[in-house]
Amino acid sequence: MKRTVATVVGALLALSVLLGCQKKSGGGGGGGGTPGGHPGCHGWVGSNPRTPPPQGASQAEKLVFWTSHGPPDNGVLENIANAYNATNPAVQVQFVQVPGSETDVTSLMTAVRGGTGPDVYMLDRFTVAQRASDGLLEDLTEDLAKLDTNLKDKYLAFAWEEDQYRGKTYGLPFDTDTRGLFYNKQMLRDAGIDPAELDRKNGPITLERLREIARKVDTKDAQGNYTKIGFIPQLEQGWHYTWGFLFGGEFADLQAGKVTPAHPGVVAGFQYLYDYNKEMGVQQVQTFISSYNPPNNPPQQHPFITGHLAMMITGDWFINTMRTYAADVDYDITFIPSVKKGDEPSTWAGGWTFVIPTGSKKKEAAVRFIHWACGAEGQRIYTKESGHCPTLLSISNDESIFTEKQTYFREALFFTKSRPPLPVGALYWDALSTAQDMVVQNVKTPQEALQQAEQQTQPQLNKFLPLQ
């Protein structure tokens, strides 16, 4: 983790020059679409009425592009494919939405091993090292160098590093994201809270103050079931990394080749989750989630939109969700609350990457497409239409592509951390997620659950040592 954080700092110094260190008041937004959604094919993308099929498209070379992203970001990705098709009639990209998530690439693995994989795949970037070690990804080092020998210096350093494995490049960083606290102003007013207290100009509120505000929102019916909740720490992006980083935790020691989930800071973050759920009532919280935010819940039925959840930690991609499904909701975005008053702000960055699965018979054309999509043209479309932040330094200071709500997330890149790039990154994520589930349900103590995550992950990591 030391190496990762240092890399992030270097990247942000470069980014600060481009951005001119300009600070603005207001909300925030931009990076990392909500994965999932309903499986299925969107068909040949030239059918989009906004971009008619170019003449001669039926004779063009077809590239199959898979993503697991669901609404609304899948529509933006389709627009990017359309834009490429409109200016590259000799190569046409077929956009397909498939089942999957950050760590679930079952569809991809099955297709690649069956010789029917796509030509381009959109992969959660922190899992690149693991998927490369699994033999699922093509080495793009020489192919990309033919197009540009200076790519490394054109992207945020931590994002570029996540696309590397054993000195080889396996993808191009497409977007990035950070996390912040979204708050529904009207719900706070209804609870007697002046939302101006949460304005970013005041800096982060503390976790203690967050709980005080949330208690005033919490409402139960006659049966004791929550009908409104101020805050649930594990919802949306209330992940293990969110709370572990906030409490000063480190998740890996790359030099030593060890995962460190039992680091005191990570344990402290999990203890916060344990205590918060215990106070609210584990079963009552689970009942609320099942009622108001069940699996495959339509975006427009999200509890933050329907007025049942006042505050949540999530990422910049939710700006597009609000813009698409809840344009009339009065909300804003601020820092993730701090442990103690005066602490420096905390967040972490993720993001997705474009890769070429092993076995693609159209590698040359696929490389040209991902170079374009992850370049200025593609990232400009994605930033403007989805709310995500670019990884390409050259357009990070172009204010015309950022909305006011995106300001926070753009600025958060100056203090963000990132997940350690591990060849067991997806496995580690799943182990931490299992540990978190046991903690929020008060089934295991944080120390017990995190030690189990270490026992699940470290033996697998040992197979790849040394890491450097």
Protein backbone atom coordinates (compact mmCIF):
# COMPACT_ATOMS: atom_id res chain seq x y z
CA MET A 1 0.00 0.00 0.00
CA LYS A 2 2.89 2.36 0.65
CA ARG A 3 3.88 2.17 -2.99
CA THR A 4 0.28 2.64 -4.15
CA VAL A 5 -0.35 5.73 -2.04
CA ALA A 6 2.95 7.23 -3.12
CA THR A 7 2.01 6.62 -6.72
CA VAL A 8 -1.32 8.37 -6.17
CA VAL A 9 0.44 11.36 -4.65
CA GLY A 10 2.71 11.60 -7.69
CA ALA A 11 -0.23 11.42 -10.02
CA LEU A 12 -2.09 14.11 -8.16
CA LEU A 13 0.88 16.44 -8.23
CA ALA A 14 0.86 16.12 -12.00
CA LEU A 15 -2.87 16.60 -12.08
CA SER A 16 -2.66 19.69 -9.86
CA VAL A 17 -0.48 21.40 -12.44
CA LEU A 18 -3.04 20.75 -15.13
CA LEU A 19 -5.96 21.81 -13.02
CA GLY A 20 -4.19 24.89 -11.76
CA CYS A 21 -5.26 23.86 -8.26
CA GLN A 22 -8.53 25.66 -8.86
CA LYS A 23 -11.07 25.09 -6.07
CA LYS A 24 -14.76 25.75 -6.40
CA SER A 25 -17.74 25.60 -4.10
CA GLY A 26 -20.61 23.31 -4.90
CA GLY A 27 -21.29 19.62 -5.40
CA GLY A 28 -19.22 16.97 -7.14
CA GLY A 29 -19.23 14.16 -9.67
CA GLY A 30 -17.57 11.82 -12.26
CA GLY A 31 -16.31 8.05 -12.57
CA GLY A 32 -17.11 4.30 -12.51
CA GLY A 33 -20.53 3.18 -13.69
CA THR A 34 -22.85 1.10 -11.64
CA PRO A 35 -22.24 -2.47 -12.78
CA GLY A 36 -24.88 -5.08 -13.36
CA GLY A 37 -28.29 -4.43 -14.81
CA HIS A 38 -30.29 -6.82 -16.94
CA PRO A 39 -28.29 -9.11 -19.21
CA GLY A 40 -28.82 -9.05 -22.92
CA CYS A 41 -27.63 -7.58 -26.16
CA HIS A 42 -28.33 -4.02 -27.18
CA GLY A 43 -27.99 -5.10 -30.79
CA TRP A 44 -25.91 -3.53 -33.47
CA VAL A 45 -25.14 -0.06 -32.16
CA GLY A 46 -25.62 1.60 -35.51
CA SER A 47 -29.35 1.15 -34.88
CA ASN A 48 -29.24 4.00 -32.39
CA PRO A 49 -31.35 6.74 -34.04
CA ARG A 50 -28.88 9.40 -32.96
CA THR A 51 -26.17 7.81 -35.09
CA PRO A 52 -27.40 6.05 -38.24
CA PRO A 53 -25.29 3.22 -39.67
CA PRO A 54 -22.56 4.51 -41.98
CA GLN A 55 -22.77 3.56 -45.63
CA GLY A 56 -21.01 0.27 -46.29
CA ALA A 57 -21.27 -0.75 -42.63
CA SER A 58 -22.54 -4.21 -43.57
CA GLN A 59 -19.14 -4.95 -45.15
CA ALA A 60 -17.19 -3.46 -42.23
CA GLU A 61 -15.06 -5.47 -39.84
CA LYS A 62 -17.08 -6.10 -36.67
CA LEU A 63 -15.68 -5.71 -33.16
CA VAL A 64 -17.67 -7.16 -30.27
CA PHE A 65 -17.54 -4.97 -27.13
CA TRP A 66 -18.85 -6.36 -23.84
CA THR A 67 -19.69 -4.49 -20.65
CA SER A 68 -21.53 -5.44 -17.47
CA HIS A 69 -22.62 -1.83 -16.87
CA GLY A 70 -26.35 -1.25 -16.56
CA PRO A 71 -28.53 1.86 -16.84
CA PRO A 72 -27.89 4.68 -17.20
CA ASP A 73 -24.18 4.31 -18.01
CA ASN A 74 -24.63 1.57 -20.58
CA GLY A 75 -26.39 4.13 -22.77
CA VAL A 76 -23.36 6.41 -22.61
CA LEU A 77 -21.05 3.54 -23.52
CA GLU A 78 -23.27 2.80 -26.50
CA ASN A 79 -22.98 6.44 -27.54
CA ILE A 80 -19.19 6.12 -27.44
CA ALA A 81 -19.33 3.07 -29.68
CA ASN A 82 -21.67 4.94 -32.01
CA ALA A 83 -19.33 7.91 -32.18
CA TYR A 84 -16.44 5.64 -33.11
CA ASN A 85 -18.52 3.86 -35.75
CA ALA A 86 -19.56 7.17 -37.32
CA THR A 87 -15.95 8.13 -38.01
CA ASN A 88 -14.51 4.66 -38.65
CA PRO A 89 -16.80 3.03 -41.21
CA ALA A 90 -14.30 0.27 -41.96
CA VAL A 91 -14.59 -1.04 -38.38
CA GLN A 92 -17.92 -1.21 -36.59
CA VAL A 93 -18.27 -1.88 -32.86
CA GLN A 94 -21.13 -4.09 -31.71
CA PHE A 95 -22.18 -3.15 -28.19
CA VAL A 96 -23.33 -5.97 -25.89
CA GLN A 97 -24.37 -5.86 -22.23
CA VAL A 98 -23.61 -9.06 -20.33
CA PRO A 99 -24.10 -10.26 -16.73
CA GLY A 100 -21.27 -9.44 -14.37
CA SER A 101 -19.94 -7.09 -11.72
CA GLU A 102 -16.66 -5.79 -10.31
CA THR A 103 -15.37 -9.28 -9.51
CA ASP A 104 -17.78 -11.54 -11.40
CA VAL A 105 -16.44 -12.25 -14.89
CA THR A 106 -18.02 -15.65 -15.30
CA SER A 107 -19.46 -14.75 -18.71
CA LEU A 108 -16.07 -13.61 -19.94
CA MET A 109 -14.21 -16.66 -18.61
CA THR A 110 -16.72 -19.06 -20.15
CA ALA A 111 -16.60 -17.32 -23.52
CA VAL A 112 -12.81 -17.03 -23.66
CA ARG A 113 -12.30 -20.68 -22.76
CA GLY A 114 -14.89 -21.66 -25.34
CA GLY A 115 -13.22 -19.59 -28.05
CA THR A 116 -16.18 -17.19 -28.32
CA GLY A 117 -14.92 -14.25 -26.27
CA PRO A 118 -15.46 -10.61 -27.22
CA ASP A 119 -12.82 -8.45 -28.86
CA VAL A 120 -13.01 -5.75 -26.17
CA TYR A 121 -14.11 -6.00 -22.56
CA MET A 122 -14.67 -3.35 -19.90
CA LEU A 123 -13.02 -4.58 -16.70
CA ASP A 124 -12.87 -3.15 -13.20
CA ARG A 125 -9.29 -1.93 -13.19
CA PHE A 126 -8.19 -3.20 -9.78
CA THR A 127 -8.76 -6.77 -11.03
CA VAL A 128 -6.52 -6.46 -14.12
CA ALA A 129 -3.51 -8.09 -12.46
CA GLN A 130 -5.57 -11.08 -11.36
CA ARG A 131 -7.26 -11.54 -14.74
CA ALA A 132 -3.90 -11.22 -16.51
CA SER A 133 -2.42 -13.87 -14.22
CA ASP A 134 -5.42 -16.07 -15.05
CA GLY A 135 -4.52 -15.87 -18.73
CA LEU A 136 -7.72 -14.05 -19.69
CA LEU A 137 -6.11 -10.91 -21.14
CA GLU A 138 -3.89 -10.12 -24.10
CA ASP A 139 -0.57 -8.37 -23.46
CA LEU A 140 -0.92 -4.97 -25.16
CA THR A 141 2.51 -3.55 -24.41
CA GLU A 142 3.95 -3.62 -27.94
CA ASP A 143 0.62 -2.98 -29.67
CA LEU A 144 0.00 0.24 -27.75
CA ALA A 145 3.63 1.36 -28.16
CA LYS A 146 3.13 1.31 -31.92
CA LEU A 147 0.39 3.92 -31.51
CA ASP A 148 2.03 6.02 -28.82
CA THR A 149 5.35 5.48 -27.03
CA ASN A 150 4.49 7.97 -24.29
CA LEU A 151 1.14 6.69 -23.03
CA LYS A 152 2.29 6.14 -19.45
CA ASP A 153 2.81 9.86 -18.85
CA LYS A 154 -0.62 10.76 -20.23
CA TYR A 155 -2.73 9.03 -17.57
CA LEU A 156 -3.17 9.34 -13.83
CA ALA A 157 -0.27 7.34 -12.43
CA PHE A 158 -2.29 5.13 -10.09
CA ALA A 159 -4.73 4.26 -12.89
CA TRP A 160 -1.89 3.37 -15.26
CA GLU A 161 -0.24 1.22 -12.57
CA GLU A 162 -3.43 -0.77 -12.08
CA ASP A 163 -3.26 -1.84 -15.74
CA GLN A 164 0.23 -3.34 -15.33
CA TYR A 165 1.24 -6.86 -14.40
CA ARG A 166 4.84 -8.02 -14.17
CA GLY A 167 6.04 -5.13 -16.32
CA LYS A 168 3.46 -5.60 -19.07
CA THR A 169 0.46 -3.46 -20.03
CA TYR A 170 -2.88 -5.24 -20.23
CA GLY A 171 -5.32 -2.36 -20.72
CA LEU A 172 -5.90 1.38 -20.94
CA PRO A 173 -7.52 3.33 -18.07
CA PHE A 174 -10.95 4.53 -19.18
CA ASP A 175 -12.28 6.46 -16.20
CA THR A 176 -11.82 7.02 -12.50
CA ASP A 177 -14.04 7.90 -9.59
CA THR A 178 -13.99 8.98 -5.99
CA ARG A 179 -16.57 8.76 -3.23
CA GLY A 180 -18.45 11.39 -1.26
CA LEU A 181 -21.46 11.91 0.99
CA PHE A 182 -24.70 12.59 -0.89
CA TYR A 183 -27.39 14.25 1.21
CA ASN A 184 -31.06 14.92 0.53
CA LYS A 185 -31.61 18.50 1.61
CA GLN A 186 -35.39 18.27 1.95
CA MET A 187 -35.23 15.19 4.15
CA LEU A 188 -32.78 17.00 6.43
CA ARG A 189 -35.00 20.08 6.57
CA ASP A 190 -37.98 17.90 7.44
CA ALA A 191 -35.96 16.52 10.36
CA GLY A 192 -35.09 20.00 11.60
CA ILE A 193 -31.52 20.03 10.23
CA ASP A 194 -30.17 22.97 8.26
CA PRO A 195 -28.45 21.33 5.26
CA ALA A 196 -26.06 24.29 5.09
CA GLU A 197 -24.19 22.62 7.94
CA LEU A 198 -23.00 19.98 5.47
CA ASP A 199 -21.79 22.46 2.86
CA ARG A 200 -18.29 21.58 1.68
CA LYS A 201 -16.96 25.00 2.53
CA ASN A 202 -17.28 23.97 6.18
CA GLY A 203 -15.08 20.90 5.72
CA PRO A 204 -16.08 17.38 6.74
CA ILE A 205 -18.50 16.86 9.60
CA THR A 206 -17.47 14.19 12.08
CA LEU A 207 -18.87 10.66 12.27
CA GLU A 208 -20.32 11.57 15.65
CA ARG A 209 -22.21 14.52 14.16
CA LEU A 210 -23.32 12.35 11.24
CA ARG A 211 -24.92 9.94 13.71
CA GLU A 212 -26.66 12.77 15.54
CA ILE A 213 -28.16 14.05 12.30
CA ALA A 214 -29.13 10.56 11.19
CA ARG A 215 -30.98 9.86 14.45
CA LYS A 216 -33.24 12.85 13.82
CA VAL A 217 -34.20 11.41 10.44
CA ASP A 218 -34.71 7.81 11.61
CA THR A 219 -38.43 7.03 11.68
CA LYS A 220 -40.24 3.80 12.61
CA ASP A 221 -43.81 2.63 12.08
CA ALA A 222 -46.09 1.09 14.72
CA GLN A 223 -44.49 -2.33 14.17
CA GLY A 224 -41.00 -0.96 14.84
CA ASN A 225 -39.86 -1.06 11.23
CA TYR A 226 -37.84 1.81 9.80
CA THR A 227 -39.68 3.86 7.18
CA LYS A 228 -36.95 6.52 6.95
CA ILE A 229 -33.29 6.21 7.81
CA GLY A 230 -30.71 8.95 8.03
CA PHE A 231 -27.67 6.89 7.13
CA ILE A 232 -26.61 3.25 6.71
CA PRO A 233 -22.82 3.00 6.57
CA GLN A 234 -22.64 -0.16 4.44
CA LEU A 235 -25.01 0.97 1.69
CA GLU A 236 -23.80 1.92 -1.80
CA GLN A 237 -20.06 2.66 -1.51
CA GLY A 238 -19.78 2.08 2.22
CA TRP A 239 -17.24 -0.61 1.49
CA HIS A 240 -14.37 -2.05 3.51
CA TYR A 241 -11.94 0.22 1.65
CA THR A 242 -14.05 3.29 2.45
CA TRP A 243 -13.99 2.71 6.19
CA GLY A 244 -10.55 1.16 6.40
CA PHE A 245 -8.92 4.10 4.63
CA LEU A 246 -10.95 6.59 6.68
CA PHE A 247 -9.58 5.14 9.93
CA GLY A 248 -6.01 5.15 8.61
CA GLY A 249 -5.87 1.51 7.59
CA GLU A 250 -3.54 -0.12 5.07
CA PHE A 251 -4.75 -3.15 3.16
CA ALA A 252 -1.48 -4.50 1.80
CA ASP A 253 2.28 -4.27 2.09
CA LEU A 254 3.43 -4.72 -1.49
CA GLN A 255 7.14 -4.83 -0.65
CA ALA A 256 6.57 -7.64 1.83
CA GLY A 257 4.05 -9.36 -0.45
CA LYS A 258 1.36 -9.45 2.22
CA VAL A 259 -2.28 -8.50 2.53
CA THR A 260 -2.95 -6.70 5.82
CA PRO A 261 -6.71 -6.76 6.49
CA ALA A 262 -6.08 -7.00 10.24
CA HIS A 263 -4.25 -3.64 10.23
CA PRO A 264 -5.49 -1.62 13.25
CA GLY A 265 -7.02 1.06 11.02
CA VAL A 266 -8.99 -1.48 9.01
CA VAL A 267 -10.16 -3.16 12.21
CA ALA A 268 -11.27 0.24 13.54
CA GLY A 269 -13.28 0.88 10.38
CA PHE A 270 -15.01 -2.48 10.73
CA GLN A 271 -15.67 -1.79 14.39
CA TYR A 272 -17.53 1.34 13.33
CA LEU A 273 -19.73 -0.77 11.04
CA TYR A 274 -20.30 -3.31 13.82
CA ASP A 275 -21.28 -0.71 16.42
CA TYR A 276 -23.47 1.35 14.09
CA ASN A 277 -25.57 -1.63 13.04
CA LYS A 278 -25.79 -2.93 16.59
CA GLU A 279 -27.19 0.41 17.78
CA MET A 280 -29.75 0.64 14.98
CA GLY A 281 -30.74 -3.00 15.23
CA VAL A 282 -29.23 -5.47 12.79
CA GLN A 283 -32.51 -7.09 11.82
CA GLN A 284 -34.35 -3.78 11.48
CA VAL A 285 -31.65 -2.42 9.17
CA GLN A 286 -31.75 -5.57 7.04
CA THR A 287 -35.54 -5.35 6.83
CA PHE A 288 -35.30 -1.74 5.65
CA ILE A 289 -32.75 -2.66 2.97
CA SER A 290 -34.87 -5.59 1.80
CA SER A 291 -37.95 -3.36 1.60
CA TYR A 292 -36.51 -0.21 0.05
CA ASN A 293 -33.32 -1.33 -1.71
CA PRO A 294 -33.74 -4.98 -2.75
CA PRO A 295 -31.53 -6.67 -5.36
CA ASN A 296 -32.15 -5.40 -8.91
CA ASN A 297 -34.06 -2.43 -7.55
CA PRO A 298 -34.92 -0.06 -10.45
CA PRO A 299 -32.78 3.11 -10.27
CA GLN A 300 -35.83 5.34 -9.89
CA GLN A 301 -36.84 3.34 -6.79
CA HIS A 302 -33.56 3.95 -4.97
CA PRO A 303 -34.36 4.99 -1.35
CA PHE A 304 -32.31 8.16 -1.72
CA ILE A 305 -34.57 9.16 -4.62
CA THR A 306 -37.86 8.07 -3.04
CA GLY A 307 -37.21 9.98 0.20
CA HIS A 308 -36.50 7.04 2.50
CA LEU A 309 -32.72 7.53 2.90
CA ALA A 310 -31.30 10.95 3.72
CA MET A 311 -27.54 10.40 3.36
CA MET A 312 -25.29 7.86 1.69
CA ILE A 313 -21.70 7.42 0.57
CA THR A 314 -21.47 6.76 -3.14
CA GLY A 315 -19.56 7.73 -6.25
CA ASP A 316 -19.72 10.31 -9.00
CA TRP A 317 -21.63 8.00 -11.34
CA PHE A 318 -24.72 8.55 -9.17
CA ILE A 319 -24.90 12.09 -10.53
CA ASN A 320 -26.06 10.65 -13.83
CA THR A 321 -28.61 8.49 -11.99
CA MET A 322 -30.00 11.60 -10.29
CA ARG A 323 -29.97 13.57 -13.53
CA THR A 324 -31.81 10.77 -15.35
CA TYR A 325 -34.34 9.65 -12.75
CA ALA A 326 -34.63 12.39 -10.12
CA ALA A 327 -33.87 15.78 -11.62
CA ASP A 328 -36.25 17.47 -9.16
CA VAL A 329 -34.66 16.09 -5.97
CA ASP A 330 -32.82 18.76 -3.98
CA TYR A 331 -29.49 17.20 -3.02
CA ASP A 332 -25.82 18.00 -2.72
CA ILE A 333 -22.48 16.28 -2.18
CA THR A 334 -19.84 16.76 0.48
CA PHE A 335 -16.84 15.09 2.08
CA ILE A 336 -17.03 11.70 3.71
CA PRO A 337 -17.29 12.51 7.44
CA SER A 338 -14.04 12.44 9.40
CA VAL A 339 -13.22 10.40 12.48
CA LYS A 340 -12.17 13.47 14.44
CA LYS A 341 -12.74 17.17 13.81
CA GLY A 342 -9.87 18.61 11.82
CA ASP A 343 -8.85 15.35 10.15
CA GLU A 344 -7.84 15.54 6.51
CA PRO A 345 -10.56 14.43 4.06
CA SER A 346 -10.54 10.80 2.96
CA THR A 347 -11.76 8.97 -0.11
CA TRP A 348 -10.59 6.32 -2.56
CA ALA A 349 -10.57 6.02 -6.31
CA GLY A 350 -11.57 3.14 -8.53
CA GLY A 351 -12.47 3.00 -12.17
CA TRP A 352 -12.67 0.77 -15.21
CA THR A 353 -10.37 -0.15 -18.05
CA PHE A 354 -10.66 -1.43 -21.60
CA VAL A 355 -8.92 -4.76 -22.21
CA ILE A 356 -8.68 -7.31 -25.02
CA PRO A 357 -9.59 -10.83 -23.92
CA THR A 358 -7.30 -13.68 -24.89
CA GLY A 359 -8.03 -15.16 -28.27
CA SER A 360 -9.43 -12.12 -30.06
CA LYS A 361 -8.85 -12.58 -33.78
CA LYS A 362 -9.12 -8.83 -34.36
CA LYS A 363 -6.49 -7.57 -31.96
CA GLU A 364 -5.12 -4.81 -34.18
CA ALA A 365 -8.53 -3.23 -34.76
CA ALA A 366 -9.46 -3.74 -31.10
CA VAL A 367 -6.31 -1.93 -29.95
CA ARG A 368 -7.15 1.03 -32.18
CA PHE A 369 -10.67 1.17 -30.70
CA ILE A 370 -9.59 1.10 -27.06
CA HIS A 371 -6.89 3.68 -27.80
CA TRP A 372 -9.62 5.96 -29.16
CA ALA A 373 -12.23 5.17 -26.48
CA CYS A 374 -9.71 5.68 -23.66
CA GLY A 375 -8.31 8.75 -25.37
CA ALA A 376 -9.56 12.31 -25.41
CA GLU A 377 -12.58 11.70 -27.67
CA GLY A 378 -14.00 8.76 -25.74
CA GLN A 379 -13.27 10.09 -22.27
CA ARG A 380 -14.71 13.49 -23.13
CA ILE A 381 -18.04 11.87 -24.06
CA TYR A 382 -18.07 9.71 -20.95
CA THR A 383 -17.22 12.55 -18.57
CA LYS A 384 -19.88 14.86 -19.98
CA GLU A 385 -22.68 12.31 -20.21
CA SER A 386 -22.07 10.03 -17.23
CA GLY A 387 -20.53 12.16 -14.49
CA HIS A 388 -17.33 10.12 -14.32
CA CYS A 389 -13.86 11.63 -14.06
CA PRO A 390 -11.28 11.16 -16.82
CA THR A 391 -7.96 9.40 -16.32
CA LEU A 392 -6.39 11.28 -19.20
CA LEU A 393 -4.47 14.25 -17.82
CA SER A 394 -4.87 16.37 -20.96
CA ILE A 395 -8.62 16.82 -20.53
CA SER A 396 -8.76 16.97 -16.74
CA ASN A 397 -8.54 20.77 -16.79
CA ASP A 398 -11.25 21.24 -19.41
CA GLU A 399 -14.00 22.80 -17.30
CA SER A 400 -16.50 22.61 -20.16
CA ILE A 401 -16.93 18.86 -19.64
CA PHE A 402 -17.64 19.06 -15.90
CA THR A 403 -20.93 20.02 -14.29
CA GLU A 404 -21.14 21.85 -10.97
CA LYS A 405 -22.08 18.61 -9.19
CA GLN A 406 -18.86 17.01 -10.41
CA THR A 407 -16.64 19.60 -8.72
CA TYR A 408 -16.24 17.71 -5.46
CA PHE A 409 -15.14 14.50 -7.18
CA ARG A 410 -12.70 16.31 -9.40
CA GLU A 411 -11.13 17.98 -6.37
CA ALA A 412 -11.14 14.73 -4.38
CA LEU A 413 -8.49 13.37 -6.75
CA PHE A 414 -6.03 15.51 -4.78
CA PHE A 415 -6.44 13.44 -1.60
CA THR A 416 -7.61 10.07 -2.86
CA LYS A 417 -6.14 6.66 -2.18
CA SER A 418 -6.51 3.55 -4.31
CA ARG A 419 -6.74 -0.18 -3.82
CA PRO A 420 -3.46 -2.11 -3.94
CA PRO A 421 -2.87 -3.64 -7.39
CA LEU A 422 -2.66 -7.34 -6.53
CA PRO A 423 -2.78 -10.48 -8.68
CA VAL A 424 -5.47 -11.61 -6.23
CA GLY A 425 -7.34 -8.29 -6.21
CA ALA A 426 -10.76 -9.74 -6.99
CA LEU A 427 -10.31 -12.60 -4.53
CA TYR A 428 -9.25 -10.15 -1.83
CA TRP A 429 -12.25 -7.91 -2.53
CA ASP A 430 -14.62 -10.84 -2.14
CA ALA A 431 -12.94 -11.98 1.07
CA LEU A 432 -13.19 -8.48 2.53
CA SER A 433 -16.83 -8.26 1.45
CA THR A 434 -17.63 -11.53 3.20
CA ALA A 435 -15.91 -10.23 6.32
CA GLN A 436 -17.92 -7.02 6.12
CA ASP A 437 -21.20 -8.93 5.82
CA MET A 438 -20.42 -10.89 8.97
CA VAL A 439 -19.49 -7.71 10.83
CA VAL A 440 -22.55 -5.64 9.88
CA GLN A 441 -24.73 -8.59 10.88
CA ASN A 442 -22.81 -8.81 14.19
CA VAL A 443 -22.03 -12.49 13.50
CA LYS A 444 -18.27 -12.08 14.00
CA THR A 445 -16.07 -9.46 15.58
CA PRO A 446 -14.01 -7.31 13.22
CA GLN A 447 -10.78 -9.00 14.28
CA GLU A 448 -12.19 -12.49 13.67
CA ALA A 449 -13.73 -11.63 10.32
CA LEU A 450 -10.63 -9.84 9.01
CA GLN A 451 -8.27 -12.59 10.13
CA GLN A 452 -10.44 -14.99 8.15
CA ALA A 453 -10.10 -12.74 5.08
CA GLU A 454 -6.33 -12.87 5.48
CA GLN A 455 -6.37 -16.67 5.77
CA GLN A 456 -8.41 -16.89 2.57
CA THR A 457 -6.21 -14.52 0.56
CA GLN A 458 -2.59 -14.76 1.66
CA PRO A 459 -1.97 -18.38 0.56
CA GLN A 460 -3.16 -17.48 -2.93
CA LEU A 461 -1.01 -14.35 -3.01
CA ASN A 462 2.02 -16.43 -2.00
CA LYS A 463 1.85 -18.14 -5.40
CA PHE A 464 2.80 -14.86 -7.10
CA LEU A 465 5.69 -13.80 -4.85
CA PRO A 466 7.81 -11.83 -5.24
CA LEU A 467 5.44 -9.10 -6.43
CA GLN A 468 8.20 -6.71 -7.47
